Amino acid sequence: DRGVGEVLAQIARMGVKDNTLVIFSSDNGAIPAGSNVPLRGFKSSVWEGGIRMPCMAMLPGVIRPGSRTTQVSLGMDWLPTFLSATGVRAPAGKQLDGVDLWPVLTGAKPAFERTVFFRYKRLQARRKAVRSGDWKYVWDSGKEELHNLAEDLAEAKDQLTARPDIAADLKKKLDAWEIDVRAPRLKDFA
């Protein structure tokens, strides 16, 4: 994208390229006119095609060029990561929603497993999902599915009936998360 190149060129012209952390990411998958192949779904869905997106980070001398990670992350992870990268502590008594990715970005620690949640509401559509490790449970306007993303990144093979134990565990985690994050404006979500 030309705009990204212009930003990088400006950072270089300013002489701060070697001490500027650059993050390039999107906020969602492609719209239906685009392509998320091999992923299922598009923007506004909780399928991988709607929520999985590329992310690139650059900081010369700190983040190894060409390095890759499988770390599951969310946009809210950037605040604790930026705080860690700059040596700034979060305000006392403030709990941040995200996690610090700095050790993973710098190669100091390997990717770690985590549980992440998604929720979407617009008009009559109600969508929510939880991913824990390789497993992902999706509730899409009343339709439930369970997928193992390590074996089925396209989310084509529903394993809800084959693995009800995993589905039940993920549903329990999703229910607890919804109680934890419930806000007055979302009280009628389900």
C-alpha atoms as a PDB file:
ATOM      1  CA  ASP A   1       0.000   0.000   0.000  1.00  0.00           C
ATOM      2  CA  ARG A   2       1.402   3.357  -1.056  1.00  0.00           C
ATOM      3  CA  GLY A   3       0.300   5.050   2.189  1.00  0.00           C
ATOM      4  CA  VAL A   4       2.362   2.632   4.278  1.00  0.00           C
ATOM      5  CA  GLY A   5       5.397   3.323   2.100  1.00  0.00           C
ATOM      6  CA  GLU A   6       4.900   7.070   2.543  1.00  0.00           C
ATOM      7  CA  VAL A   7       4.776   6.708   6.332  1.00  0.00           C
ATOM      8  CA  LEU A   8       7.930   4.571   6.365  1.00  0.00           C
ATOM      9  CA  ALA A   9       9.708   7.040   4.075  1.00  0.00           C
ATOM     10  CA  GLN A  10       8.753   9.935   6.357  1.00  0.00           C
ATOM     11  CA  ILE A  11      10.057   8.097   9.425  1.00  0.00           C
ATOM     12  CA  ALA A  12      13.351   7.567   7.579  1.00  0.00           C
ATOM     13  CA  ARG A  13      13.507  11.248   6.501  1.00  0.00           C
ATOM     14  CA  MET A  14      12.979  12.281  10.131  1.00  0.00           C
ATOM     15  CA  GLY A  15      15.961  10.163  11.163  1.00  0.00           C
ATOM     16  CA  VAL A  16      13.953   8.078  13.658  1.00  0.00           C
ATOM     17  CA  LYS A  17      13.661   4.815  11.708  1.00  0.00           C
ATOM     18  CA  ASP A  18      16.009   2.952  14.056  1.00  0.00           C
ATOM     19  CA  ASN A  19      14.060   3.814  17.216  1.00  0.00           C
ATOM     20  CA  THR A  20      10.460   3.798  15.970  1.00  0.00           C
ATOM     21  CA  LEU A  21       8.224   0.787  16.457  1.00  0.00           C
ATOM     22  CA  VAL A  22       5.995   0.434  13.400  1.00  0.00           C
ATOM     23  CA  ILE A  23       2.892  -1.776  13.525  1.00  0.00           C
ATOM     24  CA  PHE A  24       0.794  -2.522  10.454  1.00  0.00           C
ATOM     25  CA  SER A  25      -2.489  -4.338  10.979  1.00  0.00           C
ATOM     26  CA  SER A  26      -6.140  -4.349  10.017  1.00  0.00           C
ATOM     27  CA  ASP A  27      -9.206  -4.327  12.219  1.00  0.00           C
ATOM     28  CA  ASN A  28     -11.078  -7.121  10.425  1.00  0.00           C
ATOM     29  CA  GLY A  29     -11.071  -9.471   7.463  1.00  0.00           C
ATOM     30  CA  ALA A  30     -12.053  -8.557   3.923  1.00  0.00           C
ATOM     31  CA  ILE A  31     -15.510  -7.522   2.833  1.00  0.00           C
ATOM     32  CA  PRO A  32     -17.367  -9.968   0.539  1.00  0.00           C
ATOM     33  CA  ALA A  33     -15.942  -8.234  -2.546  1.00  0.00           C
ATOM     34  CA  GLY A  34     -12.485  -9.243  -1.319  1.00  0.00           C
ATOM     35  CA  SER A  35     -10.966 -12.617  -0.549  1.00  0.00           C
ATOM     36  CA  ASN A  36     -10.077 -14.356   2.684  1.00  0.00           C
ATOM     37  CA  VAL A  37      -9.309 -17.713   1.052  1.00  0.00           C
ATOM     38  CA  PRO A  38      -8.835 -20.236   2.608  1.00  0.00           C
ATOM     39  CA  LEU A  39     -10.624 -18.719   5.594  1.00  0.00           C
ATOM     40  CA  ARG A  40     -14.388 -18.861   6.109  1.00  0.00           C
ATOM     41  CA  GLY A  41     -16.384 -15.652   6.490  1.00  0.00           C
ATOM     42  CA  PHE A  42     -15.855 -11.940   6.007  1.00  0.00           C
ATOM     43  CA  LYS A  43     -15.907  -8.685   7.938  1.00  0.00           C
ATOM     44  CA  SER A  44     -18.688  -8.637  10.552  1.00  0.00           C
ATOM     45  CA  SER A  45     -18.457 -12.375  11.145  1.00  0.00           C
ATOM     46  CA  VAL A  46     -16.719 -14.252  13.945  1.00  0.00           C
ATOM     47  CA  TRP A  47     -15.337 -16.829  11.501  1.00  0.00           C
ATOM     48  CA  GLU A  48     -11.598 -16.687  10.853  1.00  0.00           C
ATOM     49  CA  GLY A  49     -12.150 -14.708   7.629  1.00  0.00           C
ATOM     50  CA  GLY A  50     -13.748 -11.930   9.653  1.00  0.00           C
ATOM     51  CA  ILE A  51     -11.383 -11.803  12.607  1.00  0.00           C
ATOM     52  CA  ARG A  52      -8.000 -13.132  11.457  1.00  0.00           C
ATOM     53  CA  MET A  53      -5.764 -10.593   9.801  1.00  0.00           C
ATOM     54  CA  PRO A  54      -2.119 -10.016   9.054  1.00  0.00           C
ATOM     55  CA  CYS A  55      -0.036  -7.957  11.407  1.00  0.00           C
ATOM     56  CA  MET A  56       3.517  -6.783  10.884  1.00  0.00           C
ATOM     57  CA  ALA A  57       5.864  -5.146  13.363  1.00  0.00           C
ATOM     58  CA  MET A  58       9.200  -3.472  12.700  1.00  0.00           C
ATOM     59  CA  LEU A  59      11.835  -2.075  15.021  1.00  0.00           C
ATOM     60  CA  PRO A  60      15.393  -2.296  13.634  1.00  0.00           C
ATOM     61  CA  GLY A  61      17.833  -3.987  15.973  1.00  0.00           C
ATOM     62  CA  VAL A  62      15.066  -5.265  18.219  1.00  0.00           C
ATOM     63  CA  ILE A  63      12.594  -7.258  16.103  1.00  0.00           C
ATOM     64  CA  ARG A  64      14.444  -9.674  13.827  1.00  0.00           C
ATOM     65  CA  PRO A  65      13.628  -8.965  10.139  1.00  0.00           C
ATOM     66  CA  GLY A  66      11.618 -11.762   8.553  1.00  0.00           C
ATOM     67  CA  SER A  67      10.763 -13.372  11.879  1.00  0.00           C
ATOM     68  CA  ARG A  68       7.297 -14.892  12.281  1.00  0.00           C
ATOM     69  CA  THR A  69       5.120 -15.906  15.183  1.00  0.00           C
ATOM     70  CA  THR A  70       1.923 -17.883  15.569  1.00  0.00           C
ATOM     71  CA  GLN A  71       0.954 -15.809  18.604  1.00  0.00           C
ATOM     72  CA  VAL A  72      -2.787 -15.212  18.889  1.00  0.00           C
ATOM     73  CA  SER A  73      -3.303 -11.520  19.556  1.00  0.00           C
ATOM     74  CA  LEU A  74      -5.980  -8.846  19.643  1.00  0.00           C
ATOM     75  CA  GLY A  75      -5.933  -5.108  18.997  1.00  0.00           C
ATOM     76  CA  MET A  76      -6.257  -4.472  22.720  1.00  0.00           C
ATOM     77  CA  ASP A  77      -2.854  -6.117  23.228  1.00  0.00           C
ATOM     78  CA  TRP A  78      -1.071  -3.127  21.750  1.00  0.00           C
ATOM     79  CA  LEU A  79      -1.466  -0.856  24.788  1.00  0.00           C
ATOM     80  CA  PRO A  80       0.259  -3.210  27.256  1.00  0.00           C
ATOM     81  CA  THR A  81       2.827  -4.047  24.565  1.00  0.00           C
ATOM     82  CA  PHE A  82       3.643  -0.370  23.944  1.00  0.00           C
ATOM     83  CA  LEU A  83       3.891   0.239  27.694  1.00  0.00           C
ATOM     84  CA  SER A  84       6.314  -2.680  28.020  1.00  0.00           C
ATOM     85  CA  ALA A  85       8.373  -1.582  25.001  1.00  0.00           C
ATOM     86  CA  THR A  86       8.797   1.895  26.454  1.00  0.00           C
ATOM     87  CA  GLY A  87       9.314   0.823  30.070  1.00  0.00           C
ATOM     88  CA  VAL A  88       6.162   2.615  31.226  1.00  0.00           C
ATOM     89  CA  ARG A  89       3.926   1.068  33.872  1.00  0.00           C
ATOM     90  CA  ALA A  90       0.144   1.088  33.626  1.00  0.00           C
ATOM     91  CA  PRO A  91      -1.519   3.454  36.084  1.00  0.00           C
ATOM     92  CA  ALA A  92      -1.915   1.900  39.528  1.00  0.00           C
ATOM     93  CA  GLY A  93      -5.250   0.168  39.966  1.00  0.00           C
ATOM     94  CA  LYS A  94      -5.939  -0.027  36.220  1.00  0.00           C
ATOM     95  CA  GLN A  95      -6.391  -3.476  34.744  1.00  0.00           C
ATOM     96  CA  LEU A  96      -5.637  -3.606  31.037  1.00  0.00           C
ATOM     97  CA  ASP A  97      -7.706  -5.867  28.799  1.00  0.00           C
ATOM     98  CA  GLY A  98      -4.837  -6.919  26.546  1.00  0.00           C
ATOM     99  CA  VAL A  99      -1.627  -8.822  27.169  1.00  0.00           C
ATOM    100  CA  ASP A 100       1.997  -7.797  26.687  1.00  0.00           C
ATOM    101  CA  LEU A 101       3.312  -9.202  23.400  1.00  0.00           C
ATOM    102  CA  TRP A 102       6.712  -7.505  23.646  1.00  0.00           C
ATOM    103  CA  PRO A 103       8.626 -10.647  24.761  1.00  0.00           C
ATOM    104  CA  VAL A 104       7.171 -12.583  21.808  1.00  0.00           C
ATOM    105  CA  LEU A 105       7.879  -9.802  19.293  1.00  0.00           C
ATOM    106  CA  THR A 106      11.495  -9.511  20.418  1.00  0.00           C
ATOM    107  CA  GLY A 107      12.044 -13.272  20.462  1.00  0.00           C
ATOM    108  CA  ALA A 108      12.688 -13.333  24.215  1.00  0.00           C
ATOM    109  CA  LYS A 109       9.781 -15.762  24.728  1.00  0.00           C
ATOM    110  CA  PRO A 110       7.902 -18.180  22.477  1.00  0.00           C
ATOM    111  CA  ALA A 111       4.254 -17.798  21.503  1.00  0.00           C
ATOM    112  CA  PHE A 112       1.900 -18.757  24.319  1.00  0.00           C
ATOM    113  CA  GLU A 113      -1.565 -20.240  24.379  1.00  0.00           C
ATOM    114  CA  ARG A 114      -4.447 -18.025  25.413  1.00  0.00           C
ATOM    115  CA  THR A 115      -8.212 -17.803  25.329  1.00  0.00           C
ATOM    116  CA  VAL A 116      -9.754 -14.965  23.319  1.00  0.00           C
ATOM    117  CA  PHE A 117     -13.363 -13.911  22.804  1.00  0.00           C
ATOM    118  CA  PHE A 118     -15.341 -12.193  20.061  1.00  0.00           C
ATOM    119  CA  ARG A 119     -18.810 -10.693  19.959  1.00  0.00           C
ATOM    120  CA  TYR A 120     -20.756  -8.929  17.219  1.00  0.00           C
ATOM    121  CA  LYS A 121     -24.214  -7.360  17.214  1.00  0.00           C
ATOM    122  CA  ARG A 122     -25.877  -5.470  14.406  1.00  0.00           C
ATOM    123  CA  LEU A 123     -29.607  -5.352  13.696  1.00  0.00           C
ATOM    124  CA  GLN A 124     -30.832  -8.942  14.181  1.00  0.00           C
ATOM    125  CA  ALA A 125     -27.402 -10.568  13.866  1.00  0.00           C
ATOM    126  CA  ARG A 126     -25.873 -11.864  17.089  1.00  0.00           C
ATOM    127  CA  ARG A 127     -22.494 -13.567  16.825  1.00  0.00           C
ATOM    128  CA  LYS A 128     -19.981 -14.676  19.413  1.00  0.00           C
ATOM    129  CA  ALA A 129     -16.999 -16.973  19.575  1.00  0.00           C
ATOM    130  CA  VAL A 130     -14.275 -18.182  21.886  1.00  0.00           C
ATOM    131  CA  ARG A 131     -10.914 -19.585  20.890  1.00  0.00           C
ATOM    132  CA  SER A 132      -8.765 -21.493  23.347  1.00  0.00           C
ATOM    133  CA  GLY A 133      -5.639 -23.088  21.940  1.00  0.00           C
ATOM    134  CA  ASP A 134      -6.572 -24.772  18.664  1.00  0.00           C
ATOM    135  CA  TRP A 135     -10.277 -25.044  19.481  1.00  0.00           C
ATOM    136  CA  LYS A 136     -12.904 -22.483  18.565  1.00  0.00           C
ATOM    137  CA  TYR A 137     -16.591 -22.454  19.479  1.00  0.00           C
ATOM    138  CA  VAL A 138     -18.904 -20.222  17.424  1.00  0.00           C
ATOM    139  CA  TRP A 139     -22.470 -19.158  18.189  1.00  0.00           C
ATOM    140  CA  ASP A 140     -23.862 -17.418  15.094  1.00  0.00           C
ATOM    141  CA  SER A 141     -27.419 -16.150  15.612  1.00  0.00           C
ATOM    142  CA  GLY A 142     -28.344 -19.389  17.367  1.00  0.00           C
ATOM    143  CA  LYS A 143     -26.324 -21.830  15.231  1.00  0.00           C
ATOM    144  CA  GLU A 144     -23.460 -23.495  17.107  1.00  0.00           C
ATOM    145  CA  GLU A 145     -20.276 -24.973  15.670  1.00  0.00           C
ATOM    146  CA  LEU A 146     -16.965 -26.239  17.009  1.00  0.00           C
ATOM    147  CA  HIS A 147     -13.711 -26.301  15.033  1.00  0.00           C
ATOM    148  CA  ASN A 148     -10.120 -27.374  15.540  1.00  0.00           C
ATOM    149  CA  LEU A 149      -8.174 -24.643  13.745  1.00  0.00           C
ATOM    150  CA  ALA A 150      -4.941 -26.649  13.684  1.00  0.00           C
ATOM    151  CA  GLU A 151      -6.672 -29.322  11.600  1.00  0.00           C
ATOM    152  CA  ASP A 152      -9.307 -27.206   9.845  1.00  0.00           C
ATOM    153  CA  LEU A 153      -8.340 -23.565   9.335  1.00  0.00           C
ATOM    154  CA  ALA A 154     -11.216 -23.142   6.857  1.00  0.00           C
ATOM    155  CA  GLU A 155     -13.727 -24.065   9.599  1.00  0.00           C
ATOM    156  CA  ALA A 156     -15.391 -26.509   7.212  1.00  0.00           C
ATOM    157  CA  LYS A 157     -15.714 -29.532   9.531  1.00  0.00           C
ATOM    158  CA  ASP A 158     -18.021 -28.951  12.496  1.00  0.00           C
ATOM    159  CA  GLN A 159     -16.960 -31.095  15.462  1.00  0.00           C
ATOM    160  CA  LEU A 160     -19.735 -30.039  17.841  1.00  0.00           C
ATOM    161  CA  THR A 161     -21.314 -33.505  18.047  1.00  0.00           C
ATOM    162  CA  ALA A 162     -17.960 -35.328  18.016  1.00  0.00           C
ATOM    163  CA  ARG A 163     -16.468 -33.258  20.887  1.00  0.00           C
ATOM    164  CA  PRO A 164     -19.321 -32.069  23.133  1.00  0.00           C
ATOM    165  CA  ASP A 165     -16.892 -31.963  26.082  1.00  0.00           C
ATOM    166  CA  ILE A 166     -14.738 -29.309  24.423  1.00  0.00           C
ATOM    167  CA  ALA A 167     -17.801 -27.384  23.246  1.00  0.00           C
ATOM    168  CA  ALA A 168     -19.247 -27.363  26.774  1.00  0.00           C
ATOM    169  CA  ASP A 169     -15.967 -26.121  28.242  1.00  0.00           C
ATOM    170  CA  LEU A 170     -15.689 -23.323  25.669  1.00  0.00           C
ATOM    171  CA  LYS A 171     -19.329 -22.316  26.147  1.00  0.00           C
ATOM    172  CA  LYS A 172     -18.707 -22.085  29.890  1.00  0.00           C
ATOM    173  CA  LYS A 173     -15.697 -19.815  29.275  1.00  0.00           C
ATOM    174  CA  LEU A 174     -17.728 -17.670  26.871  1.00  0.00           C
ATOM    175  CA  ASP A 175     -20.592 -17.333  29.364  1.00  0.00           C
ATOM    176  CA  ALA A 176     -18.182 -16.290  32.135  1.00  0.00           C
ATOM    177  CA  TRP A 177     -16.497 -13.746  29.844  1.00  0.00           C
ATOM    178  CA  GLU A 178     -19.843 -12.231  28.848  1.00  0.00           C
ATOM    179  CA  ILE A 179     -20.735 -11.737  32.507  1.00  0.00           C
ATOM    180  CA  ASP A 180     -17.329 -10.197  33.156  1.00  0.00           C
ATOM    181  CA  VAL A 181     -17.553  -7.662  30.313  1.00  0.00           C
ATOM    182  CA  ARG A 182     -21.273  -6.952  30.399  1.00  0.00           C
ATOM    183  CA  ALA A 183     -21.996  -3.282  29.978  1.00  0.00           C
ATOM    184  CA  PRO A 184     -25.415  -1.609  30.298  1.00  0.00           C
ATOM    185  CA  ARG A 185     -25.659  -1.007  26.552  1.00  0.00           C
ATOM    186  CA  LEU A 186     -25.009  -4.701  25.855  1.00  0.00           C
ATOM    187  CA  LYS A 187     -27.487  -6.128  28.377  1.00  0.00           C
ATOM    188  CA  ASP A 188     -29.829  -7.279  25.609  1.00  0.00           C
ATOM    189  CA  PHE A 189     -27.078  -8.849  23.500  1.00  0.00           C
ATOM    190  CA  ALA A 190     -28.074 -12.525  23.592  1.00  0.00           C
END
